[in-house]
């Protein structure tokens, strides 16, 4: 099957894009890499969004439209030429797909959770790093045992399974897997180096040496004023400095900044009252009692002092939706749950002014677990302390919810009710910040 005019949009040294480029080398398919692509600019243009509505890379431009998601692009290119990248039989093809799924969910997910914080892509969390390493070791043990009797994953030659496995192992064997970590996996290392020596792999990925030292996390440098050198202490015999004379200039005292949340106009809505309504509403009538009470006010069930919640105050509070920007990395369920749990733990300081429900969804077609959420914040904006202190905030796209839009309002209700389906996807779990 001939193919012309294929253009791959990506940034340099993207290991996910390299899957397609190595596949193209084996398939004998010409793929041009867009030389004028600028991340953050090109991918936001109307022309690009026609190719990939998500505005992400890699994206392949074909004469008949765009193909996106790195594995899908690699599969498409591999099928353009009958060169054995899916093996020789239907069963071989099934084995190829099995190993592609294994490397994506069991290798790429945990490895990304380990290395991305070191690259500044995700916030660093030692417990999550340790959990990711353990999950990765289990997956590598499976691969190690298999490779004891196999040179390649399927058959006796390179297939698309090997190409994608190599790409998913890339950060491990170029950055994270030091000699001690590699020691239990000699067959996996031999496999990696066998592929690395293939001309088609070397042409695309290069030939980087194996890591010689463990990957160590270095916190990003914070912008801070350099400390002034301390003046030498006066000799013991020197007389004490005299107090400044009346009217003389003295060092101004640093004024204590007022908490901006306390400067907000008063509101009849008590956020803690809403949290009690949310917690005490019976599951069998949750939408009726909790959500009905959110909009219209309600007596709080089982309240010892017959507490009444007055209802949502749009003048004193604002509602926000958030969506994780990098859902393509969310391939392992427990890692995603830990990611959300860590985010909520790290913003405990804003609990007095915030309520939120974070939903972990499941996109079976793409093999990922998207994260979305709905929040109530005191005031018209996200609290300034969150903007100043939370390193997780920038990992999400935030937008203010327009409650006059019935579709947006219903989505708030569905997420607060932890419905089984949200945004057309299965809701795996919700975590509540209250």
Foldseek 3Di string as FASTA:
>chain_A
DAFPDKEWEDDPPQLLQLLQQLLCVQQVHDYHYDPPHDPPPPLPDPVNCFQPVLSDDGWMQGPVGIDDDSVRSNVVSNVVHPRQQQHDDPVSNVLLVVLLLLLLQQQLQLVCQQCVCQVVNAPDDVVLNVVSLVSNVVSLVVVLVVLVPALESGDPDHHSSLSSNLSSCVCVFQPACAPVNCVVRPSVVNSNVVVCPDPSNCVRNNRHHGDHDHHDHDDDDDDDDDDDDDDDDDDPPDDDDDDDDPPDDDDDDDDDDDQVLVVADDDPFQVVLLVQQLVQDDLVCNCPRNVVCQAQKDFRPPDPVRDTGRHDDVQFKFKKKKWFSCQLSAQYVVSVVVSVVVQLVQVLVQLNFKKKKKWWWADPVSNTTIIMMMMMGGDDDDRVCCVVRRPCPVRIDMDTFDCVPVVSVVLNSCRSSVPQAHPNTGTPDMDIRD
